[in-house]
Amino acid sequence: MPQERKDEQVHDYEKEFLNQFPASYRVGHDDIRAPVSPEPGLIARELNVEKLHKIIHLLWLAGRPVPPRPLHYQLSLGREVILREQMEAHLVWGSGRIFIKPIPRYLLNPHFWENHLLCDQCRGQVEMSAPSCGHRQLRACALGFLLSYVALVAYESDFGIAIEKRLIPYEVSWAQWREFVSQLLAGDSTNQLYTHVAPRFIYGELRLNRLNLIFFARRGPLSSGFVATWHSFGSFYRDNSAWIITITAYAILILSAVQVGLTTTRLATNQVFQSAAYGFCIFAILIPIFTLGLLVIFSAILWAYNVMRTRRFEAKRSKTLGRAWRDEAARKNTTTGTW
């Protein structure tokens, strides 16, 4: 075969392989880049769960070290399956929904595993106790991710849900999926397989509210948590006013009981009951006002913090881009009266 023809085939294969990756990805959180090859930064961003590994000693608070339950069972619990491409959000659930990362096509490609998740140093060293490198860490994340899908898609009904939700590439058939699972589990027990996966994937489903609680405890109440809980001040007030309404409802119930008690002869002349009724009456008046005041103060602090953080970020972003668009707009408005 002529060398030119061979080079052309290699180029076509690499182009087709690259099509299995995202069209663009973010460097940090701000800059967008189009990959020209399966770059290490892109692969790390696709597979890494470093955010969860930093709190691995606390992860037992958010989930159990067991495989996730099948998709049909997730739906029976009233959870809506939400696609989330970030690996760290995979199998995180809360508020009637569960985030699941779809299987990327490149993870079903042997070429990717051989050429991008192994290096000469770590080739043949599959035990987690062996000296680690970035390739092996990402390989452990990828293996744990696929192992989670073995548990999620156990029945043909689960497979139908996965295809409908675009969790598995549409060209994969049920027979091919069963063959893939058989190969993944062949000659190895599940317990032995778990010695090869990243620590995060020893745990199955993780509770979002407990993950947020862990991050709030570590980073402070003004942090965004693991996944931002409030996307607007409306949602902030809605979520936090519920417990105030609950406390008020209980207070009204107790005050009604106290009022009935005061109409009885025995309790109306009881000095201890009179003192308790007086104290609780004052408490019932003050506590809703106090808690509402705290909510308003905290929301004001949160608003001021977000404003300062946004302005700081805008200045930093302006320096990064090398463009002061506020000054540009002011100059154009001055000279032409329009942008």
C-alpha atoms as a PDB file:
ATOM      1  CA  MET A   1       0.000   0.000   0.000  1.00  0.00           C
ATOM      2  CA  PRO A   2       1.432   3.432  -0.897  1.00  0.00           C
ATOM      3  CA  GLN A   3       2.619   5.511   2.050  1.00  0.00           C
ATOM      4  CA  GLU A   4       0.288   8.385   1.150  1.00  0.00           C
ATOM      5  CA  ARG A   5      -2.728   6.061   1.216  1.00  0.00           C
ATOM      6  CA  LYS A   6      -1.632   4.637   4.545  1.00  0.00           C
ATOM      7  CA  ASP A   7      -1.168   8.115   6.044  1.00  0.00           C
ATOM      8  CA  GLU A   8      -4.605   9.126   4.758  1.00  0.00           C
ATOM      9  CA  GLN A   9      -6.230   6.109   6.442  1.00  0.00           C
ATOM     10  CA  VAL A  10      -4.460   6.887   9.708  1.00  0.00           C
ATOM     11  CA  HIS A  11      -5.643  10.502   9.473  1.00  0.00           C
ATOM     12  CA  ASP A  12      -9.256   9.401   8.812  1.00  0.00           C
ATOM     13  CA  TYR A  13      -9.122   7.000  11.756  1.00  0.00           C
ATOM     14  CA  GLU A  14      -7.781   9.669  14.106  1.00  0.00           C
ATOM     15  CA  LYS A  15     -10.452  12.105  12.912  1.00  0.00           C
ATOM     16  CA  GLU A  16     -13.191   9.519  13.487  1.00  0.00           C
ATOM     17  CA  PHE A  17     -11.741   8.724  16.915  1.00  0.00           C
ATOM     18  CA  LEU A  18     -11.681  12.423  17.843  1.00  0.00           C
ATOM     19  CA  ASN A  19     -15.386  12.643  16.924  1.00  0.00           C
ATOM     20  CA  GLN A  20     -16.078  10.482  19.980  1.00  0.00           C
ATOM     21  CA  PHE A  21     -14.966  13.377  22.211  1.00  0.00           C
ATOM     22  CA  PRO A  22     -16.723  16.687  22.988  1.00  0.00           C
ATOM     23  CA  ALA A  23     -16.608  19.399  20.317  1.00  0.00           C
ATOM     24  CA  SER A  24     -15.277  21.831  22.932  1.00  0.00           C
ATOM     25  CA  TYR A  25     -14.235  21.816  26.559  1.00  0.00           C
ATOM     26  CA  ARG A  26     -13.352  24.353  29.209  1.00  0.00           C
ATOM     27  CA  VAL A  27      -9.869  25.072  30.487  1.00  0.00           C
ATOM     28  CA  GLY A  28     -10.429  25.948  34.117  1.00  0.00           C
ATOM     29  CA  HIS A  29     -13.989  27.281  34.267  1.00  0.00           C
ATOM     30  CA  ASP A  30     -13.760  30.134  31.807  1.00  0.00           C
ATOM     31  CA  ASP A  31     -11.844  29.517  28.571  1.00  0.00           C
ATOM     32  CA  ILE A  32     -13.300  27.348  25.802  1.00  0.00           C
ATOM     33  CA  ARG A  33     -11.059  25.175  23.652  1.00  0.00           C
ATOM     34  CA  ALA A  34     -11.729  22.866  20.694  1.00  0.00           C
ATOM     35  CA  PRO A  35      -9.619  19.688  21.019  1.00  0.00           C
ATOM     36  CA  VAL A  36      -7.378  18.795  18.098  1.00  0.00           C
ATOM     37  CA  SER A  37      -6.514  15.428  19.670  1.00  0.00           C
ATOM     38  CA  PRO A  38      -7.463  13.465  22.803  1.00  0.00           C
ATOM     39  CA  GLU A  39      -5.378  15.835  24.942  1.00  0.00           C
ATOM     40  CA  PRO A  40      -4.410  14.832  28.503  1.00  0.00           C
ATOM     41  CA  GLY A  41      -6.210  17.892  29.874  1.00  0.00           C
ATOM     42  CA  LEU A  42      -9.434  16.930  28.099  1.00  0.00           C
ATOM     43  CA  ILE A  43      -9.247  13.291  29.246  1.00  0.00           C
ATOM     44  CA  ALA A  44      -8.534  14.356  32.829  1.00  0.00           C
ATOM     45  CA  ARG A  45     -11.478  16.767  32.770  1.00  0.00           C
ATOM     46  CA  GLU A  46     -13.742  14.051  31.384  1.00  0.00           C
ATOM     47  CA  LEU A  47     -12.814  11.330  33.890  1.00  0.00           C
ATOM     48  CA  ASN A  48     -11.387  12.902  37.039  1.00  0.00           C
ATOM     49  CA  VAL A  49     -13.309  12.935  40.349  1.00  0.00           C
ATOM     50  CA  GLU A  50     -10.707  14.824  42.358  1.00  0.00           C
ATOM     51  CA  LYS A  51     -13.346  16.958  44.077  1.00  0.00           C
ATOM     52  CA  LEU A  52     -14.861  13.854  45.690  1.00  0.00           C
ATOM     53  CA  HIS A  53     -11.511  12.244  46.450  1.00  0.00           C
ATOM     54  CA  LYS A  54     -10.613  15.283  48.570  1.00  0.00           C
ATOM     55  CA  ILE A  55     -13.472  14.349  50.927  1.00  0.00           C
ATOM     56  CA  ILE A  56     -13.209  10.563  50.540  1.00  0.00           C
ATOM     57  CA  HIS A  57     -12.850  10.134  54.325  1.00  0.00           C
ATOM     58  CA  LEU A  58     -16.271  11.796  54.727  1.00  0.00           C
ATOM     59  CA  LEU A  59     -18.036  10.186  51.771  1.00  0.00           C
ATOM     60  CA  TRP A  60     -19.678   7.575  54.029  1.00  0.00           C
ATOM     61  CA  LEU A  61     -21.937  10.401  55.226  1.00  0.00           C
ATOM     62  CA  ALA A  62     -23.388  10.790  51.714  1.00  0.00           C
ATOM     63  CA  GLY A  63     -23.668   7.189  50.506  1.00  0.00           C
ATOM     64  CA  ARG A  64     -23.050   3.515  51.099  1.00  0.00           C
ATOM     65  CA  PRO A  65     -20.124   1.466  49.685  1.00  0.00           C
ATOM     66  CA  VAL A  66     -22.393  -0.655  47.476  1.00  0.00           C
ATOM     67  CA  PRO A  67     -23.155  -0.594  43.708  1.00  0.00           C
ATOM     68  CA  PRO A  68     -25.958   1.745  42.547  1.00  0.00           C
ATOM     69  CA  ARG A  69     -29.428   0.323  42.073  1.00  0.00           C
ATOM     70  CA  PRO A  70     -30.766  -0.355  38.536  1.00  0.00           C
ATOM     71  CA  LEU A  71     -32.385   2.370  36.472  1.00  0.00           C
ATOM     72  CA  HIS A  72     -35.894   0.910  36.733  1.00  0.00           C
ATOM     73  CA  TYR A  73     -35.557   1.002  40.528  1.00  0.00           C
ATOM     74  CA  GLN A  74     -34.425   4.642  40.397  1.00  0.00           C
ATOM     75  CA  LEU A  75     -37.604   5.514  38.495  1.00  0.00           C
ATOM     76  CA  SER A  76     -39.722   3.554  40.967  1.00  0.00           C
ATOM     77  CA  LEU A  77     -38.309   5.786  43.723  1.00  0.00           C
ATOM     78  CA  GLY A  78     -39.719   8.776  41.864  1.00  0.00           C
ATOM     79  CA  ARG A  79     -36.323  10.036  40.717  1.00  0.00           C
ATOM     80  CA  GLU A  80     -36.046  11.775  37.368  1.00  0.00           C
ATOM     81  CA  VAL A  81     -32.908  10.865  35.406  1.00  0.00           C
ATOM     82  CA  ILE A  82     -30.994  14.047  34.534  1.00  0.00           C
ATOM     83  CA  LEU A  83     -28.057  13.918  32.114  1.00  0.00           C
ATOM     84  CA  ARG A  84     -24.955  15.551  33.572  1.00  0.00           C
ATOM     85  CA  GLU A  85     -21.666  15.273  31.687  1.00  0.00           C
ATOM     86  CA  GLN A  86     -19.479  16.006  34.725  1.00  0.00           C
ATOM     87  CA  MET A  87     -18.063  12.755  36.129  1.00  0.00           C
ATOM     88  CA  GLU A  88     -18.107  14.151  39.686  1.00  0.00           C
ATOM     89  CA  ALA A  89     -21.901  14.566  39.550  1.00  0.00           C
ATOM     90  CA  HIS A  90     -22.471  10.979  38.343  1.00  0.00           C
ATOM     91  CA  LEU A  91     -25.002   9.171  40.615  1.00  0.00           C
ATOM     92  CA  VAL A  92     -25.567  12.205  42.848  1.00  0.00           C
ATOM     93  CA  TRP A  93     -29.258  12.452  43.775  1.00  0.00           C
ATOM     94  CA  GLY A  94     -31.613  14.837  45.542  1.00  0.00           C
ATOM     95  CA  SER A  95     -34.971  16.631  45.237  1.00  0.00           C
ATOM     96  CA  GLY A  96     -36.534  13.844  43.167  1.00  0.00           C
ATOM     97  CA  ARG A  97     -33.789  13.635  40.544  1.00  0.00           C
ATOM     98  CA  ILE A  98     -30.543  11.750  39.968  1.00  0.00           C
ATOM     99  CA  PHE A  99     -27.641  12.967  37.830  1.00  0.00           C
ATOM    100  CA  ILE A 100     -26.131  10.359  35.510  1.00  0.00           C
ATOM    101  CA  LYS A 101     -23.257  10.835  33.067  1.00  0.00           C
ATOM    102  CA  PRO A 102     -23.854   9.147  29.677  1.00  0.00           C
ATOM    103  CA  ILE A 103     -21.260   6.607  28.533  1.00  0.00           C
ATOM    104  CA  PRO A 104     -18.889   8.384  26.113  1.00  0.00           C
ATOM    105  CA  ARG A 105     -18.205   6.400  22.939  1.00  0.00           C
ATOM    106  CA  TYR A 106     -14.449   6.492  23.521  1.00  0.00           C
ATOM    107  CA  LEU A 107     -14.839   4.399  26.708  1.00  0.00           C
ATOM    108  CA  LEU A 108     -16.175   1.576  24.529  1.00  0.00           C
ATOM    109  CA  ASN A 109     -13.134   1.846  22.236  1.00  0.00           C
ATOM    110  CA  PRO A 110     -10.202  -0.536  23.079  1.00  0.00           C
ATOM    111  CA  HIS A 111      -7.818   1.855  21.292  1.00  0.00           C
ATOM    112  CA  PHE A 112      -8.546   4.539  23.889  1.00  0.00           C
ATOM    113  CA  TRP A 113      -7.841   2.230  26.838  1.00  0.00           C
ATOM    114  CA  GLU A 114      -4.603   0.958  25.329  1.00  0.00           C
ATOM    115  CA  ASN A 115      -3.167   4.262  24.154  1.00  0.00           C
ATOM    116  CA  HIS A 116      -4.548   6.889  26.538  1.00  0.00           C
ATOM    117  CA  LEU A 117      -5.101   5.140  29.891  1.00  0.00           C
ATOM    118  CA  LEU A 118      -1.806   3.250  30.076  1.00  0.00           C
ATOM    119  CA  CYS A 119       1.814   4.302  29.910  1.00  0.00           C
ATOM    120  CA  ASP A 120       5.051   2.325  29.741  1.00  0.00           C
ATOM    121  CA  GLN A 121       5.624   2.821  33.462  1.00  0.00           C
ATOM    122  CA  CYS A 122       2.261   1.508  34.638  1.00  0.00           C
ATOM    123  CA  ARG A 123       1.595  -1.064  31.885  1.00  0.00           C
ATOM    124  CA  GLY A 124       0.965  -4.386  33.568  1.00  0.00           C
ATOM    125  CA  GLN A 125       0.595  -2.857  37.038  1.00  0.00           C
ATOM    126  CA  VAL A 126      -3.126  -3.036  37.728  1.00  0.00           C
ATOM    127  CA  GLU A 127      -3.123  -3.349  41.532  1.00  0.00           C
ATOM    128  CA  MET A 128      -4.095  -0.193  43.362  1.00  0.00           C
ATOM    129  CA  SER A 129      -1.118  -0.722  45.714  1.00  0.00           C
ATOM    130  CA  ALA A 130       1.336  -0.343  42.805  1.00  0.00           C
ATOM    131  CA  PRO A 131       3.070   3.021  42.273  1.00  0.00           C
ATOM    132  CA  SER A 132       0.481   5.362  40.797  1.00  0.00           C
ATOM    133  CA  CYS A 133       0.572   7.794  37.887  1.00  0.00           C
ATOM    134  CA  GLY A 134      -1.960  10.039  36.186  1.00  0.00           C
ATOM    135  CA  HIS A 135      -2.807   7.416  33.560  1.00  0.00           C
ATOM    136  CA  ARG A 136      -3.618   4.736  36.135  1.00  0.00           C
ATOM    137  CA  GLN A 137      -5.697   7.132  38.211  1.00  0.00           C
ATOM    138  CA  LEU A 138      -7.827   8.024  35.190  1.00  0.00           C
ATOM    139  CA  ARG A 139      -8.036   4.346  34.223  1.00  0.00           C
ATOM    140  CA  ALA A 140      -9.326   3.555  37.722  1.00  0.00           C
ATOM    141  CA  CYS A 141     -11.974   6.289  37.339  1.00  0.00           C
ATOM    142  CA  ALA A 142     -13.020   4.980  33.907  1.00  0.00           C
ATOM    143  CA  LEU A 143     -13.233   1.387  35.176  1.00  0.00           C
ATOM    144  CA  GLY A 144     -15.284   2.438  38.203  1.00  0.00           C
ATOM    145  CA  PHE A 145     -17.612   4.454  35.969  1.00  0.00           C
ATOM    146  CA  LEU A 146     -18.248   1.460  33.679  1.00  0.00           C
ATOM    147  CA  LEU A 147     -18.716  -0.792  36.692  1.00  0.00           C
ATOM    148  CA  SER A 148     -21.433   1.575  37.936  1.00  0.00           C
ATOM    149  CA  TYR A 149     -23.215   1.096  34.585  1.00  0.00           C
ATOM    150  CA  VAL A 150     -23.021  -2.681  34.999  1.00  0.00           C
ATOM    151  CA  ALA A 151     -25.183  -2.192  38.095  1.00  0.00           C
ATOM    152  CA  LEU A 152     -27.415   0.507  36.555  1.00  0.00           C
ATOM    153  CA  VAL A 153     -28.247  -1.467  33.399  1.00  0.00           C
ATOM    154  CA  ALA A 154     -28.934  -4.960  34.702  1.00  0.00           C
ATOM    155  CA  TYR A 155     -32.230  -5.816  32.969  1.00  0.00           C
ATOM    156  CA  GLU A 156     -33.426  -5.280  29.433  1.00  0.00           C
ATOM    157  CA  SER A 157     -35.909  -2.761  30.829  1.00  0.00           C
ATOM    158  CA  ASP A 158     -32.952  -0.808  32.254  1.00  0.00           C
ATOM    159  CA  PHE A 159     -31.310  -0.959  28.831  1.00  0.00           C
ATOM    160  CA  GLY A 160     -34.464   0.470  27.220  1.00  0.00           C
ATOM    161  CA  ILE A 161     -34.463   3.347  29.721  1.00  0.00           C
ATOM    162  CA  ALA A 162     -30.756   3.982  29.094  1.00  0.00           C
ATOM    163  CA  ILE A 163     -31.273   4.116  25.311  1.00  0.00           C
ATOM    164  CA  GLU A 164     -34.315   6.382  25.692  1.00  0.00           C
ATOM    165  CA  LYS A 165     -32.400   8.767  27.953  1.00  0.00           C
ATOM    166  CA  ARG A 166     -29.315   8.649  25.657  1.00  0.00           C
ATOM    167  CA  LEU A 167     -27.166   7.220  28.459  1.00  0.00           C
ATOM    168  CA  ILE A 168     -25.775   4.519  26.142  1.00  0.00           C
ATOM    169  CA  PRO A 169     -24.883   5.131  22.465  1.00  0.00           C
ATOM    170  CA  TYR A 170     -27.964   4.330  20.386  1.00  0.00           C
ATOM    171  CA  GLU A 171     -26.112   1.929  18.062  1.00  0.00           C
ATOM    172  CA  VAL A 172     -25.370  -0.481  20.941  1.00  0.00           C
ATOM    173  CA  SER A 173     -27.798  -3.444  21.054  1.00  0.00           C
ATOM    174  CA  TRP A 174     -28.950  -5.410  24.105  1.00  0.00           C
ATOM    175  CA  ALA A 175     -26.937  -8.438  22.933  1.00  0.00           C
ATOM    176  CA  GLN A 176     -23.811  -6.288  22.559  1.00  0.00           C
ATOM    177  CA  TRP A 177     -24.352  -4.807  26.005  1.00  0.00           C
ATOM    178  CA  ARG A 178     -24.641  -8.270  27.570  1.00  0.00           C
ATOM    179  CA  GLU A 179     -21.427  -9.306  25.811  1.00  0.00           C
ATOM    180  CA  PHE A 180     -19.673  -6.166  27.061  1.00  0.00           C
ATOM    181  CA  VAL A 181     -20.761  -6.839  30.657  1.00  0.00           C
ATOM    182  CA  SER A 182     -19.648 -10.476  30.371  1.00  0.00           C
ATOM    183  CA  GLN A 183     -16.190  -9.401  29.163  1.00  0.00           C
ATOM    184  CA  LEU A 184     -15.876  -6.771  31.877  1.00  0.00           C
ATOM    185  CA  LEU A 185     -16.762  -9.259  34.622  1.00  0.00           C
ATOM    186  CA  ALA A 186     -15.073 -12.301  33.053  1.00  0.00           C
ATOM    187  CA  GLY A 187     -12.657 -14.245  35.242  1.00  0.00           C
ATOM    188  CA  ASP A 188     -12.985 -11.856  38.146  1.00  0.00           C
ATOM    189  CA  SER A 189     -15.321 -11.481  41.080  1.00  0.00           C
ATOM    190  CA  THR A 190     -16.971  -8.140  41.760  1.00  0.00           C
ATOM    191  CA  ASN A 191     -14.995  -7.751  44.976  1.00  0.00           C
ATOM    192  CA  GLN A 192     -11.712  -8.188  43.080  1.00  0.00           C
ATOM    193  CA  LEU A 193     -12.834  -5.689  40.453  1.00  0.00           C
ATOM    194  CA  TYR A 194     -13.416  -3.121  43.191  1.00  0.00           C
ATOM    195  CA  THR A 195      -9.720  -3.287  44.073  1.00  0.00           C
ATOM    196  CA  HIS A 196      -8.981  -1.713  40.668  1.00  0.00           C
ATOM    197  CA  VAL A 197     -11.467   1.190  40.707  1.00  0.00           C
ATOM    198  CA  ALA A 198     -11.042   4.720  42.040  1.00  0.00           C
ATOM    199  CA  PRO A 199     -12.187   5.053  45.683  1.00  0.00           C
ATOM    200  CA  ARG A 200     -15.190   7.223  44.752  1.00  0.00           C
ATOM    201  CA  PHE A 201     -16.739   4.356  42.759  1.00  0.00           C
ATOM    202  CA  ILE A 202     -16.689   2.013  45.725  1.00  0.00           C
ATOM    203  CA  TYR A 203     -19.707   4.110  46.730  1.00  0.00           C
ATOM    204  CA  GLY A 204     -22.865   4.059  44.642  1.00  0.00           C
ATOM    205  CA  GLU A 205     -25.503   6.779  44.869  1.00  0.00           C
ATOM    206  CA  LEU A 206     -24.565   9.912  46.836  1.00  0.00           C
ATOM    207  CA  ARG A 207     -26.994  12.294  48.558  1.00  0.00           C
ATOM    208  CA  LEU A 208     -26.698  15.849  47.243  1.00  0.00           C
ATOM    209  CA  ASN A 209     -27.843  17.567  50.450  1.00  0.00           C
ATOM    210  CA  ARG A 210     -25.205  15.728  52.507  1.00  0.00           C
ATOM    211  CA  LEU A 211     -22.470  16.497  49.974  1.00  0.00           C
ATOM    212  CA  ASN A 212     -23.457  20.166  50.161  1.00  0.00           C
ATOM    213  CA  LEU A 213     -23.401  19.974  53.964  1.00  0.00           C
ATOM    214  CA  ILE A 214     -19.853  18.553  53.871  1.00  0.00           C
ATOM    215  CA  PHE A 215     -18.678  21.322  51.535  1.00  0.00           C
ATOM    216  CA  PHE A 216     -20.429  24.021  53.594  1.00  0.00           C
ATOM    217  CA  ALA A 217     -18.724  22.693  56.739  1.00  0.00           C
ATOM    218  CA  ARG A 218     -15.301  22.690  55.031  1.00  0.00           C
ATOM    219  CA  ARG A 219     -15.553  25.935  53.054  1.00  0.00           C
ATOM    220  CA  GLY A 220     -18.070  28.031  54.964  1.00  0.00           C
ATOM    221  CA  PRO A 221     -21.785  28.867  54.505  1.00  0.00           C
ATOM    222  CA  LEU A 222     -21.098  31.333  51.668  1.00  0.00           C
ATOM    223  CA  SER A 223     -19.561  28.663  49.431  1.00  0.00           C
ATOM    224  CA  SER A 224     -21.572  27.232  46.547  1.00  0.00           C
ATOM    225  CA  GLY A 225     -21.419  23.704  47.971  1.00  0.00           C
ATOM    226  CA  PHE A 226     -20.926  20.620  45.828  1.00  0.00           C
ATOM    227  CA  VAL A 227     -23.733  21.607  43.441  1.00  0.00           C
ATOM    228  CA  ALA A 228     -25.297  25.053  43.757  1.00  0.00           C
ATOM    229  CA  THR A 229     -28.539  24.688  45.720  1.00  0.00           C
ATOM    230  CA  TRP A 230     -29.954  28.156  45.077  1.00  0.00           C
ATOM    231  CA  HIS A 231     -29.849  29.622  41.579  1.00  0.00           C
ATOM    232  CA  SER A 232     -31.873  32.721  42.487  1.00  0.00           C
ATOM    233  CA  PHE A 233     -33.029  34.609  45.565  1.00  0.00           C
ATOM    234  CA  GLY A 234     -36.530  33.310  44.864  1.00  0.00           C
ATOM    235  CA  SER A 235     -35.370  29.713  45.327  1.00  0.00           C
ATOM    236  CA  PHE A 236     -33.372  30.770  48.416  1.00  0.00           C
ATOM    237  CA  TYR A 237     -36.453  32.240  50.112  1.00  0.00           C
ATOM    238  CA  ARG A 238     -38.674  29.370  48.951  1.00  0.00           C
ATOM    239  CA  ASP A 239     -36.388  26.691  50.395  1.00  0.00           C
ATOM    240  CA  ASN A 240     -35.683  28.502  53.669  1.00  0.00           C
ATOM    241  CA  SER A 241     -39.191  29.782  54.337  1.00  0.00           C
ATOM    242  CA  ALA A 242     -40.530  26.211  54.509  1.00  0.00           C
ATOM    243  CA  TRP A 243     -39.008  25.495  57.916  1.00  0.00           C
ATOM    244  CA  ILE A 244     -40.181  28.900  59.241  1.00  0.00           C
ATOM    245  CA  ILE A 245     -43.731  28.072  58.156  1.00  0.00           C
ATOM    246  CA  THR A 246     -43.418  24.649  59.816  1.00  0.00           C
ATOM    247  CA  ILE A 247     -42.268  26.178  63.123  1.00  0.00           C
ATOM    248  CA  THR A 248     -45.078  28.743  62.971  1.00  0.00           C
ATOM    249  CA  ALA A 249     -47.657  26.017  62.322  1.00  0.00           C
ATOM    250  CA  TYR A 250     -46.465  24.021  65.358  1.00  0.00           C
ATOM    251  CA  ALA A 251     -46.510  27.183  67.486  1.00  0.00           C
ATOM    252  CA  ILE A 252     -50.113  27.904  66.433  1.00  0.00           C
ATOM    253  CA  LEU A 253     -51.091  24.325  67.284  1.00  0.00           C
ATOM    254  CA  ILE A 254     -49.529  24.564  70.740  1.00  0.00           C
ATOM    255  CA  LEU A 255     -51.051  28.012  71.377  1.00  0.00           C
ATOM    256  CA  SER A 256     -54.482  26.612  70.487  1.00  0.00           C
ATOM    257  CA  ALA A 257     -53.965  23.794  72.997  1.00  0.00           C
ATOM    258  CA  VAL A 258     -52.817  26.326  75.638  1.00  0.00           C
ATOM    259  CA  GLN A 259     -55.892  28.444  74.960  1.00  0.00           C
ATOM    260  CA  VAL A 260     -58.146  25.417  75.475  1.00  0.00           C
ATOM    261  CA  GLY A 261     -56.258  24.564  78.667  1.00  0.00           C
ATOM    262  CA  LEU A 262     -56.809  28.053  80.076  1.00  0.00           C
ATOM    263  CA  THR A 263     -60.573  27.615  79.740  1.00  0.00           C
ATOM    264  CA  THR A 264     -60.507  24.648  82.128  1.00  0.00           C
ATOM    265  CA  THR A 265     -60.851  25.305  85.861  1.00  0.00           C
ATOM    266  CA  ARG A 266     -57.912  23.109  86.853  1.00  0.00           C
ATOM    267  CA  LEU A 267     -55.346  24.675  84.520  1.00  0.00           C
ATOM    268  CA  ALA A 268     -56.682  28.236  84.729  1.00  0.00           C
ATOM    269  CA  THR A 269     -55.740  28.361  88.424  1.00  0.00           C
ATOM    270  CA  ASN A 270     -52.431  26.475  88.003  1.00  0.00           C
ATOM    271  CA  GLN A 271     -49.573  28.957  88.462  1.00  0.00           C
ATOM    272  CA  VAL A 272     -46.990  26.733  86.740  1.00  0.00           C
ATOM    273  CA  PHE A 273     -49.217  26.356  83.670  1.00  0.00           C
ATOM    274  CA  GLN A 274     -49.895  30.098  83.653  1.00  0.00           C
ATOM    275  CA  SER A 275     -46.144  30.856  83.685  1.00  0.00           C
ATOM    276  CA  ALA A 276     -45.468  28.299  80.936  1.00  0.00           C
ATOM    277  CA  ALA A 277     -48.307  29.686  78.806  1.00  0.00           C
ATOM    278  CA  TYR A 278     -46.994  33.229  79.254  1.00  0.00           C
ATOM    279  CA  GLY A 279     -43.439  32.220  78.307  1.00  0.00           C
ATOM    280  CA  PHE A 280     -44.500  30.247  75.269  1.00  0.00           C
ATOM    281  CA  CYS A 281     -46.778  33.062  74.108  1.00  0.00           C
ATOM    282  CA  ILE A 282     -43.828  35.498  74.124  1.00  0.00           C
ATOM    283  CA  PHE A 283     -41.665  32.862  72.385  1.00  0.00           C
ATOM    284  CA  ALA A 284     -44.309  32.288  69.671  1.00  0.00           C
ATOM    285  CA  ILE A 285     -44.435  36.026  68.973  1.00  0.00           C
ATOM    286  CA  LEU A 286     -40.693  36.606  68.845  1.00  0.00           C
ATOM    287  CA  ILE A 287     -39.309  33.485  67.137  1.00  0.00           C
ATOM    288  CA  PRO A 288     -40.956  34.012  63.688  1.00  0.00           C
ATOM    289  CA  ILE A 289     -39.830  37.659  63.689  1.00  0.00           C
ATOM    290  CA  PHE A 290     -36.324  36.664  64.793  1.00  0.00           C
ATOM    291  CA  THR A 291     -35.939  33.882  62.207  1.00  0.00           C
ATOM    292  CA  LEU A 292     -37.361  36.038  59.416  1.00  0.00           C
ATOM    293  CA  GLY A 293     -34.924  38.785  60.386  1.00  0.00           C
ATOM    294  CA  LEU A 294     -32.036  36.318  60.285  1.00  0.00           C
ATOM    295  CA  LEU A 295     -33.165  35.160  56.834  1.00  0.00           C
ATOM    296  CA  VAL A 296     -33.272  38.743  55.532  1.00  0.00           C
ATOM    297  CA  ILE A 297     -29.846  39.567  57.034  1.00  0.00           C
ATOM    298  CA  PHE A 298     -28.262  36.411  55.631  1.00  0.00           C
ATOM    299  CA  SER A 299     -29.752  37.030  52.176  1.00  0.00           C
ATOM    300  CA  ALA A 300     -28.381  40.596  52.280  1.00  0.00           C
ATOM    301  CA  ILE A 301     -24.915  39.272  53.188  1.00  0.00           C
ATOM    302  CA  LEU A 302     -25.200  36.671  50.428  1.00  0.00           C
ATOM    303  CA  TRP A 303     -26.230  39.337  47.915  1.00  0.00           C
ATOM    304  CA  ALA A 304     -23.322  41.608  48.887  1.00  0.00           C
ATOM    305  CA  TYR A 305     -20.875  38.690  48.751  1.00  0.00           C
ATOM    306  CA  ASN A 306     -22.088  37.667  45.273  1.00  0.00           C
ATOM    307  CA  VAL A 307     -21.877  41.256  43.999  1.00  0.00           C
ATOM    308  CA  MET A 308     -18.283  41.675  45.230  1.00  0.00           C
ATOM    309  CA  ARG A 309     -17.304  38.256  43.916  1.00  0.00           C
ATOM    310  CA  THR A 310     -18.854  39.015  40.501  1.00  0.00           C
ATOM    311  CA  ARG A 311     -17.105  42.388  40.237  1.00  0.00           C
ATOM    312  CA  ARG A 312     -13.752  40.834  41.209  1.00  0.00           C
ATOM    313  CA  PHE A 313     -14.215  38.093  38.649  1.00  0.00           C
ATOM    314  CA  GLU A 314     -15.174  40.600  35.944  1.00  0.00           C
ATOM    315  CA  ALA A 315     -11.956  42.556  36.587  1.00  0.00           C
ATOM    316  CA  LYS A 316      -9.900  39.346  36.534  1.00  0.00           C
ATOM    317  CA  ARG A 317     -11.610  38.204  33.332  1.00  0.00           C
ATOM    318  CA  SER A 318     -10.968  41.593  31.711  1.00  0.00           C
ATOM    319  CA  LYS A 319      -7.265  41.255  32.487  1.00  0.00           C
ATOM    320  CA  THR A 320      -7.196  37.674  31.155  1.00  0.00           C
ATOM    321  CA  LEU A 321      -8.894  38.625  27.875  1.00  0.00           C
ATOM    322  CA  GLY A 322      -6.890  41.815  27.558  1.00  0.00           C
ATOM    323  CA  ARG A 323     -10.022  43.783  26.846  1.00  0.00           C
ATOM    324  CA  ALA A 324     -11.783  46.476  28.904  1.00  0.00           C
ATOM    325  CA  TRP A 325     -15.219  46.255  27.326  1.00  0.00           C
ATOM    326  CA  ARG A 326     -16.810  48.704  29.776  1.00  0.00           C
ATOM    327  CA  ASP A 327     -14.389  51.445  28.671  1.00  0.00           C
ATOM    328  CA  GLU A 328     -14.932  50.503  25.014  1.00  0.00           C
ATOM    329  CA  ALA A 329     -18.706  50.823  25.403  1.00  0.00           C
ATOM    330  CA  ALA A 330     -18.366  54.164  27.183  1.00  0.00           C
ATOM    331  CA  ARG A 331     -16.121  55.557  24.415  1.00  0.00           C
ATOM    332  CA  LYS A 332     -18.472  54.383  21.640  1.00  0.00           C
ATOM    333  CA  ASN A 333     -21.507  55.832  23.397  1.00  0.00           C
ATOM    334  CA  THR A 334     -19.672  59.153  23.815  1.00  0.00           C
ATOM    335  CA  THR A 335     -18.512  59.401  20.195  1.00  0.00           C
ATOM    336  CA  THR A 336     -21.453  57.907  18.272  1.00  0.00           C
ATOM    337  CA  GLY A 337     -24.284  57.767  20.790  1.00  0.00           C
ATOM    338  CA  THR A 338     -24.663  54.046  20.165  1.00  0.00           C
ATOM    339  CA  TRP A 339     -22.716  50.802  20.450  1.00  0.00           C
END
